[in-house]
Amino acid sequence: MEKKVYTWLAVLISAFIGGPFGGIYMLSQNYKTLGKDDLAKKWLLFGSLAIVGFLVVMSLLPASFTSPTAGAAASSAIAIGLGLTAKQKQDKEIKEILAAGGRKQSVGKIIGINVLSILITLVLTLVVTGIFALIGLNK
């Protein structure tokens, strides 16, 4: 069976454009393709929990900390972190797979992951802010 992988640059760009859930998913899928199922599960679980925690914290911070500029800076830092993680931890093995005839994942699949990542982030943000409004923790 042909192996398909996400390059570190695809992870970085996707996390930047579509949000961190897409980047986490791509890292996880690469680990699965590399036969490292344990790492794949850990990245998906703990990466997702970290992003949910980040959304909760951002919702609790004063408006001066959560301006569009601060949000963009934080999102960019997360995207760069995910991209560099893919480069440091997976790039060598990904290049070996590609050299052996493996392929990069399709642009269409990457776009789909980005759209889904944006929707997940939007829904979670609405849920978190809605819960905070219900219990009186809104800003």
N, C-alpha and C. Protein backbone atom coordinates (compact mmCIF):
# COMPACT_ATOMS: atom_id res chain seq x y z
N MET A 1 0.84 -1.19 0.00
CA MET A 1 0.00 0.00 0.00
C MET A 1 0.88 1.25 0.00
N GLU A 2 0.52 2.19 -0.82
CA GLU A 2 1.29 3.44 -0.93
C GLU A 2 1.09 4.31 0.32
N LYS A 3 2.20 4.79 0.83
CA LYS A 3 2.14 5.66 2.01
C LYS A 3 1.99 7.11 1.57
N LYS A 4 1.08 7.81 2.24
CA LYS A 4 0.88 9.24 1.98
C LYS A 4 1.18 10.00 3.25
N VAL A 5 1.89 11.11 3.10
CA VAL A 5 2.35 11.87 4.26
C VAL A 5 2.11 13.37 4.08
N TYR A 6 2.18 14.06 5.20
CA TYR A 6 2.11 15.52 5.20
C TYR A 6 3.52 16.05 5.47
N THR A 7 4.01 16.95 4.63
CA THR A 7 5.33 17.54 4.85
C THR A 7 5.24 18.52 6.02
N TRP A 8 6.39 18.87 6.56
CA TRP A 8 6.40 19.82 7.68
C TRP A 8 5.83 21.17 7.24
N LEU A 9 6.08 21.53 5.98
CA LEU A 9 5.57 22.80 5.47
C LEU A 9 4.04 22.78 5.35
N ALA A 10 3.49 21.63 4.95
CA ALA A 10 2.03 21.49 4.89
C ALA A 10 1.43 21.62 6.28
N VAL A 11 2.10 21.03 7.28
CA VAL A 11 1.63 21.14 8.67
C VAL A 11 1.65 22.60 9.11
N LEU A 12 2.74 23.28 8.86
CA LEU A 12 2.88 24.68 9.27
C LEU A 12 1.82 25.57 8.60
N ILE A 13 1.73 25.48 7.30
CA ILE A 13 0.79 26.33 6.55
C ILE A 13 -0.66 26.01 6.95
N SER A 14 -0.96 24.74 7.10
CA SER A 14 -2.33 24.35 7.48
C SER A 14 -2.68 24.84 8.88
N ALA A 15 -1.75 24.71 9.80
CA ALA A 15 -2.01 25.18 11.16
C ALA A 15 -2.16 26.70 11.18
N PHE A 16 -1.44 27.38 10.31
CA PHE A 16 -1.53 28.84 10.23
C PHE A 16 -2.87 29.27 9.62
N ILE A 17 -3.26 28.63 8.52
CA ILE A 17 -4.47 29.02 7.81
C ILE A 17 -5.72 28.45 8.46
N GLY A 18 -5.70 27.17 8.77
CA GLY A 18 -6.90 26.49 9.26
C GLY A 18 -7.01 26.37 10.76
N GLY A 19 -5.94 26.65 11.46
CA GLY A 19 -5.97 26.53 12.91
C GLY A 19 -5.23 25.30 13.38
N PRO A 20 -4.99 25.24 14.67
CA PRO A 20 -4.11 24.20 15.22
C PRO A 20 -4.66 22.78 15.13
N PHE A 21 -5.96 22.61 15.13
CA PHE A 21 -6.48 21.24 15.10
C PHE A 21 -6.05 20.50 13.83
N GLY A 22 -6.00 21.21 12.71
CA GLY A 22 -5.54 20.59 11.47
C GLY A 22 -4.09 20.17 11.54
N GLY A 23 -3.25 21.05 12.09
CA GLY A 23 -1.83 20.72 12.24
C GLY A 23 -1.61 19.53 13.16
N ILE A 24 -2.37 19.50 14.25
CA ILE A 24 -2.27 18.38 15.20
C ILE A 24 -2.69 17.08 14.52
N TYR A 25 -3.78 17.14 13.77
CA TYR A 25 -4.25 15.95 13.06
C TYR A 25 -3.19 15.46 12.08
N MET A 26 -2.58 16.37 11.33
CA MET A 26 -1.57 15.98 10.35
C MET A 26 -0.34 15.35 11.01
N LEU A 27 0.11 15.94 12.12
CA LEU A 27 1.22 15.34 12.86
C LEU A 27 0.85 13.93 13.31
N SER A 28 -0.35 13.79 13.83
CA SER A 28 -0.82 12.50 14.31
C SER A 28 -0.87 11.47 13.17
N GLN A 29 -1.41 11.87 12.03
CA GLN A 29 -1.50 10.96 10.89
C GLN A 29 -0.12 10.56 10.38
N ASN A 30 0.82 11.50 10.40
CA ASN A 30 2.19 11.15 10.00
C ASN A 30 2.76 10.09 10.93
N TYR A 31 2.56 10.26 12.23
CA TYR A 31 3.06 9.25 13.17
C TYR A 31 2.42 7.90 12.90
N LYS A 32 1.14 7.91 12.57
CA LYS A 32 0.45 6.66 12.24
C LYS A 32 1.07 6.02 11.00
N THR A 33 1.33 6.82 9.98
CA THR A 33 1.96 6.33 8.75
C THR A 33 3.36 5.79 9.03
N LEU A 34 4.05 6.41 9.98
CA LEU A 34 5.40 5.97 10.34
C LEU A 34 5.40 4.74 11.25
N GLY A 35 4.20 4.24 11.58
CA GLY A 35 4.09 3.06 12.44
C GLY A 35 4.24 3.37 13.92
N LYS A 36 4.09 4.62 14.28
CA LYS A 36 4.22 5.03 15.68
C LYS A 36 2.84 5.39 16.22
N ASP A 37 2.01 4.35 16.33
CA ASP A 37 0.61 4.54 16.73
C ASP A 37 0.47 5.18 18.10
N ASP A 38 1.36 4.84 19.02
CA ASP A 38 1.29 5.41 20.36
C ASP A 38 1.48 6.93 20.32
N LEU A 39 2.48 7.38 19.57
CA LEU A 39 2.70 8.82 19.42
C LEU A 39 1.55 9.49 18.68
N ALA A 40 0.98 8.80 17.71
CA ALA A 40 -0.15 9.35 16.96
C ALA A 40 -1.32 9.62 17.91
N LYS A 41 -1.63 8.67 18.76
CA LYS A 41 -2.73 8.84 19.71
C LYS A 41 -2.44 9.94 20.72
N LYS A 42 -1.20 9.97 21.22
CA LYS A 42 -0.83 10.99 22.20
C LYS A 42 -0.92 12.39 21.61
N TRP A 43 -0.44 12.56 20.38
CA TRP A 43 -0.50 13.88 19.75
C TRP A 43 -1.94 14.32 19.55
N LEU A 44 -2.78 13.40 19.10
CA LEU A 44 -4.17 13.76 18.85
C LEU A 44 -4.88 14.11 20.16
N LEU A 45 -4.68 13.31 21.19
CA LEU A 45 -5.35 13.55 22.47
C LEU A 45 -4.80 14.78 23.18
N PHE A 46 -3.52 14.77 23.47
CA PHE A 46 -2.94 15.85 24.27
C PHE A 46 -2.85 17.17 23.50
N GLY A 47 -2.61 17.09 22.19
CA GLY A 47 -2.61 18.30 21.39
C GLY A 47 -3.97 18.96 21.37
N SER A 48 -5.01 18.16 21.20
CA SER A 48 -6.38 18.70 21.20
C SER A 48 -6.75 19.26 22.57
N LEU A 49 -6.39 18.55 23.63
CA LEU A 49 -6.68 19.06 24.97
C LEU A 49 -5.94 20.37 25.24
N ALA A 50 -4.72 20.47 24.76
CA ALA A 50 -3.95 21.72 24.95
C ALA A 50 -4.62 22.88 24.23
N ILE A 51 -5.13 22.65 23.04
CA ILE A 51 -5.79 23.72 22.29
C ILE A 51 -7.11 24.11 22.95
N VAL A 52 -7.85 23.12 23.44
CA VAL A 52 -9.09 23.44 24.17
C VAL A 52 -8.75 24.26 25.42
N GLY A 53 -7.72 23.86 26.13
CA GLY A 53 -7.27 24.63 27.30
C GLY A 53 -6.87 26.04 26.92
N PHE A 54 -6.19 26.18 25.81
CA PHE A 54 -5.80 27.50 25.31
C PHE A 54 -7.04 28.36 25.04
N LEU A 55 -8.06 27.77 24.41
CA LEU A 55 -9.28 28.52 24.14
C LEU A 55 -9.98 28.96 25.42
N VAL A 56 -9.97 28.08 26.42
CA VAL A 56 -10.57 28.42 27.71
C VAL A 56 -9.82 29.58 28.35
N VAL A 57 -8.51 29.50 28.38
CA VAL A 57 -7.70 30.57 28.98
C VAL A 57 -7.91 31.87 28.23
N MET A 58 -7.89 31.83 26.91
CA MET A 58 -8.10 33.05 26.11
C MET A 58 -9.46 33.67 26.40
N SER A 59 -10.45 32.83 26.66
CA SER A 59 -11.79 33.34 26.97
C SER A 59 -11.85 34.01 28.33
N LEU A 60 -10.95 33.65 29.21
CA LEU A 60 -10.94 34.22 30.57
C LEU A 60 -10.09 35.48 30.69
N LEU A 61 -9.20 35.69 29.73
CA LEU A 61 -8.30 36.84 29.81
C LEU A 61 -9.03 38.15 29.50
N PRO A 62 -8.53 39.25 30.04
CA PRO A 62 -9.13 40.55 29.72
C PRO A 62 -8.99 40.87 28.24
N ALA A 63 -9.86 41.73 27.77
CA ALA A 63 -9.90 42.06 26.34
C ALA A 63 -8.56 42.57 25.81
N SER A 64 -7.79 43.25 26.64
CA SER A 64 -6.50 43.78 26.18
C SER A 64 -5.53 42.66 25.79
N PHE A 65 -5.70 41.48 26.38
CA PHE A 65 -4.84 40.34 26.04
C PHE A 65 -5.38 39.55 24.87
N THR A 66 -6.64 39.72 24.55
CA THR A 66 -7.26 38.90 23.51
C THR A 66 -7.65 39.73 22.28
N SER A 67 -6.94 40.81 22.05
CA SER A 67 -7.19 41.62 20.86
C SER A 67 -6.90 40.78 19.62
N PRO A 68 -7.39 41.19 18.47
CA PRO A 68 -7.09 40.44 17.24
C PRO A 68 -5.59 40.27 17.00
N THR A 69 -4.82 41.28 17.35
CA THR A 69 -3.37 41.19 17.16
C THR A 69 -2.77 40.11 18.07
N ALA A 70 -3.20 40.09 19.33
CA ALA A 70 -2.69 39.09 20.27
C ALA A 70 -3.13 37.69 19.84
N GLY A 71 -4.36 37.57 19.39
CA GLY A 71 -4.85 36.27 18.92
C GLY A 71 -4.08 35.78 17.71
N ALA A 72 -3.81 36.69 16.78
CA ALA A 72 -3.05 36.33 15.58
C ALA A 72 -1.62 35.93 15.95
N ALA A 73 -1.03 36.64 16.90
CA ALA A 73 0.33 36.30 17.33
C ALA A 73 0.37 34.93 17.99
N ALA A 74 -0.61 34.65 18.84
CA ALA A 74 -0.66 33.35 19.52
C ALA A 74 -0.89 32.23 18.50
N SER A 75 -1.82 32.44 17.57
CA SER A 75 -2.09 31.42 16.54
C SER A 75 -0.87 31.18 15.67
N SER A 76 -0.16 32.26 15.33
CA SER A 76 1.05 32.12 14.51
C SER A 76 2.12 31.34 15.27
N ALA A 77 2.26 31.62 16.55
CA ALA A 77 3.26 30.91 17.36
C ALA A 77 2.93 29.42 17.43
N ILE A 78 1.66 29.09 17.60
CA ILE A 78 1.25 27.69 17.65
C ILE A 78 1.52 27.02 16.30
N ALA A 79 1.19 27.69 15.20
CA ALA A 79 1.42 27.12 13.87
C ALA A 79 2.90 26.88 13.63
N ILE A 80 3.73 27.85 14.00
CA ILE A 80 5.17 27.69 13.83
C ILE A 80 5.68 26.53 14.69
N GLY A 81 5.18 26.44 15.91
CA GLY A 81 5.57 25.33 16.80
C GLY A 81 5.21 23.97 16.22
N LEU A 82 4.01 23.86 15.66
CA LEU A 82 3.60 22.59 15.05
C LEU A 82 4.44 22.28 13.82
N GLY A 83 4.69 23.29 12.98
CA GLY A 83 5.51 23.08 11.79
C GLY A 83 6.93 22.66 12.13
N LEU A 84 7.52 23.33 13.12
CA LEU A 84 8.89 22.99 13.53
C LEU A 84 8.95 21.62 14.20
N THR A 85 7.91 21.26 14.91
CA THR A 85 7.85 19.92 15.50
C THR A 85 7.85 18.87 14.41
N ALA A 86 7.03 19.09 13.38
CA ALA A 86 7.00 18.16 12.25
C ALA A 86 8.37 18.07 11.59
N LYS A 87 9.03 19.21 11.43
CA LYS A 87 10.36 19.23 10.80
C LYS A 87 11.38 18.48 11.64
N GLN A 88 11.39 18.75 12.94
CA GLN A 88 12.39 18.12 13.82
C GLN A 88 12.14 16.65 14.05
N LYS A 89 10.88 16.28 14.25
CA LYS A 89 10.56 14.92 14.68
C LYS A 89 10.19 13.96 13.55
N GLN A 90 9.79 14.51 12.38
CA GLN A 90 9.27 13.62 11.34
C GLN A 90 9.95 13.77 9.98
N ASP A 91 10.61 14.87 9.75
CA ASP A 91 11.09 15.21 8.40
C ASP A 91 12.00 14.14 7.79
N LYS A 92 12.92 13.62 8.56
CA LYS A 92 13.86 12.63 8.02
C LYS A 92 13.10 11.40 7.52
N GLU A 93 12.19 10.89 8.33
CA GLU A 93 11.44 9.70 7.95
C GLU A 93 10.46 9.99 6.81
N ILE A 94 9.89 11.19 6.80
CA ILE A 94 8.98 11.58 5.72
C ILE A 94 9.75 11.61 4.40
N LYS A 95 10.95 12.19 4.41
CA LYS A 95 11.78 12.22 3.19
C LYS A 95 12.13 10.82 2.72
N GLU A 96 12.38 9.90 3.66
CA GLU A 96 12.68 8.52 3.30
C GLU A 96 11.47 7.86 2.63
N ILE A 97 10.28 8.13 3.16
CA ILE A 97 9.05 7.58 2.56
C ILE A 97 8.87 8.12 1.15
N LEU A 98 9.06 9.43 0.98
CA LEU A 98 8.91 10.04 -0.34
C LEU A 98 9.95 9.51 -1.32
N ALA A 99 11.18 9.31 -0.86
CA ALA A 99 12.24 8.78 -1.72
C ALA A 99 11.95 7.34 -2.13
N ALA A 100 11.22 6.61 -1.28
CA ALA A 100 10.90 5.21 -1.57
C ALA A 100 9.62 5.06 -2.39
N GLY A 101 9.06 6.19 -2.85
CA GLY A 101 7.87 6.12 -3.70
C GLY A 101 6.58 6.54 -3.02
N GLY A 102 6.66 6.94 -1.75
CA GLY A 102 5.47 7.45 -1.09
C GLY A 102 5.07 8.79 -1.70
N ARG A 103 3.90 9.27 -1.31
CA ARG A 103 3.41 10.52 -1.89
C ARG A 103 2.98 11.48 -0.81
N LYS A 104 2.99 12.75 -1.18
CA LYS A 104 2.43 13.78 -0.31
C LYS A 104 0.92 13.68 -0.38
N GLN A 105 0.28 14.01 0.74
CA GLN A 105 -1.19 14.04 0.75
C GLN A 105 -1.68 15.07 -0.26
N SER A 106 -2.86 14.87 -0.78
CA SER A 106 -3.39 15.76 -1.81
C SER A 106 -3.77 17.12 -1.24
N VAL A 107 -3.71 18.12 -2.09
CA VAL A 107 -4.11 19.48 -1.71
C VAL A 107 -5.58 19.49 -1.30
N GLY A 108 -6.40 18.71 -2.00
CA GLY A 108 -7.82 18.64 -1.66
C GLY A 108 -8.05 18.14 -0.24
N LYS A 109 -7.30 17.13 0.16
CA LYS A 109 -7.44 16.60 1.52
C LYS A 109 -6.97 17.64 2.53
N ILE A 110 -5.89 18.32 2.23
CA ILE A 110 -5.37 19.35 3.13
C ILE A 110 -6.38 20.49 3.28
N ILE A 111 -7.01 20.89 2.18
CA ILE A 111 -8.03 21.94 2.25
C ILE A 111 -9.21 21.47 3.11
N GLY A 112 -9.63 20.23 2.91
CA GLY A 112 -10.72 19.67 3.72
C GLY A 112 -10.39 19.67 5.20
N ILE A 113 -9.17 19.31 5.54
CA ILE A 113 -8.73 19.32 6.94
C ILE A 113 -8.76 20.74 7.48
N ASN A 114 -8.32 21.70 6.67
CA ASN A 114 -8.33 23.10 7.11
C ASN A 114 -9.74 23.60 7.37
N VAL A 115 -10.67 23.27 6.48
CA VAL A 115 -12.06 23.69 6.66
C VAL A 115 -12.63 23.08 7.94
N LEU A 116 -12.39 21.80 8.14
CA LEU A 116 -12.87 21.13 9.35
C LEU A 116 -12.23 21.71 10.61
N SER A 117 -10.95 22.03 10.54
CA SER A 117 -10.25 22.63 11.67
C SER A 117 -10.85 23.99 12.04
N ILE A 118 -11.15 24.79 11.02
CA ILE A 118 -11.77 26.09 11.26
C ILE A 118 -13.13 25.91 11.93
N LEU A 119 -13.91 24.96 11.43
CA LEU A 119 -15.24 24.72 12.01
C LEU A 119 -15.15 24.23 13.46
N ILE A 120 -14.23 23.32 13.74
CA ILE A 120 -14.05 22.82 15.11
C ILE A 120 -13.66 23.97 16.04
N THR A 121 -12.72 24.79 15.60
CA THR A 121 -12.29 25.93 16.42
C THR A 121 -13.44 26.89 16.67
N LEU A 122 -14.21 27.18 15.64
CA LEU A 122 -15.36 28.08 15.78
C LEU A 122 -16.39 27.52 16.75
N VAL A 123 -16.75 26.26 16.58
CA VAL A 123 -17.75 25.65 17.46
C VAL A 123 -17.26 25.62 18.90
N LEU A 124 -16.01 25.22 19.12
CA LEU A 124 -15.49 25.17 20.49
C LEU A 124 -15.43 26.56 21.12
N THR A 125 -15.06 27.56 20.33
CA THR A 125 -15.03 28.93 20.85
C THR A 125 -16.42 29.38 21.25
N LEU A 126 -17.41 29.08 20.42
CA LEU A 126 -18.78 29.44 20.75
C LEU A 126 -19.29 28.69 21.98
N VAL A 127 -18.95 27.43 22.10
CA VAL A 127 -19.36 26.64 23.26
C VAL A 127 -18.72 27.19 24.53
N VAL A 128 -17.43 27.43 24.49
CA VAL A 128 -16.72 27.93 25.67
C VAL A 128 -17.28 29.29 26.10
N THR A 129 -17.41 30.21 25.15
CA THR A 129 -17.92 31.54 25.51
C THR A 129 -19.37 31.47 25.94
N GLY A 130 -20.14 30.56 25.36
CA GLY A 130 -21.53 30.38 25.77
C GLY A 130 -21.64 29.85 27.19
N ILE A 131 -20.82 28.88 27.52
CA ILE A 131 -20.81 28.33 28.89
C ILE A 131 -20.39 29.41 29.87
N PHE A 132 -19.37 30.17 29.55
CA PHE A 132 -18.91 31.23 30.43
C PHE A 132 -20.00 32.29 30.62
N ALA A 133 -20.74 32.59 29.58
CA ALA A 133 -21.83 33.57 29.68
C ALA A 133 -22.92 33.02 30.60
N LEU A 134 -23.22 31.74 30.50
CA LEU A 134 -24.25 31.13 31.34
C LEU A 134 -23.88 31.13 32.83
N ILE A 135 -22.61 30.93 33.10
CA ILE A 135 -22.20 30.88 34.52
C ILE A 135 -21.65 32.21 35.01
N GLY A 136 -21.74 33.24 34.18
CA GLY A 136 -21.36 34.57 34.61
C GLY A 136 -19.88 34.89 34.57
N LEU A 137 -19.12 34.15 33.80
CA LEU A 137 -17.68 34.41 33.69
C LEU A 137 -17.31 35.20 32.44
N ASN A 138 -18.33 35.68 31.72
CA ASN A 138 -18.01 36.42 30.50
C ASN A 138 -17.40 37.77 30.84
N LYS A 139 -16.64 38.29 29.89
CA LYS A 139 -15.89 39.53 30.11
C LYS A 139 -16.79 40.73 30.14
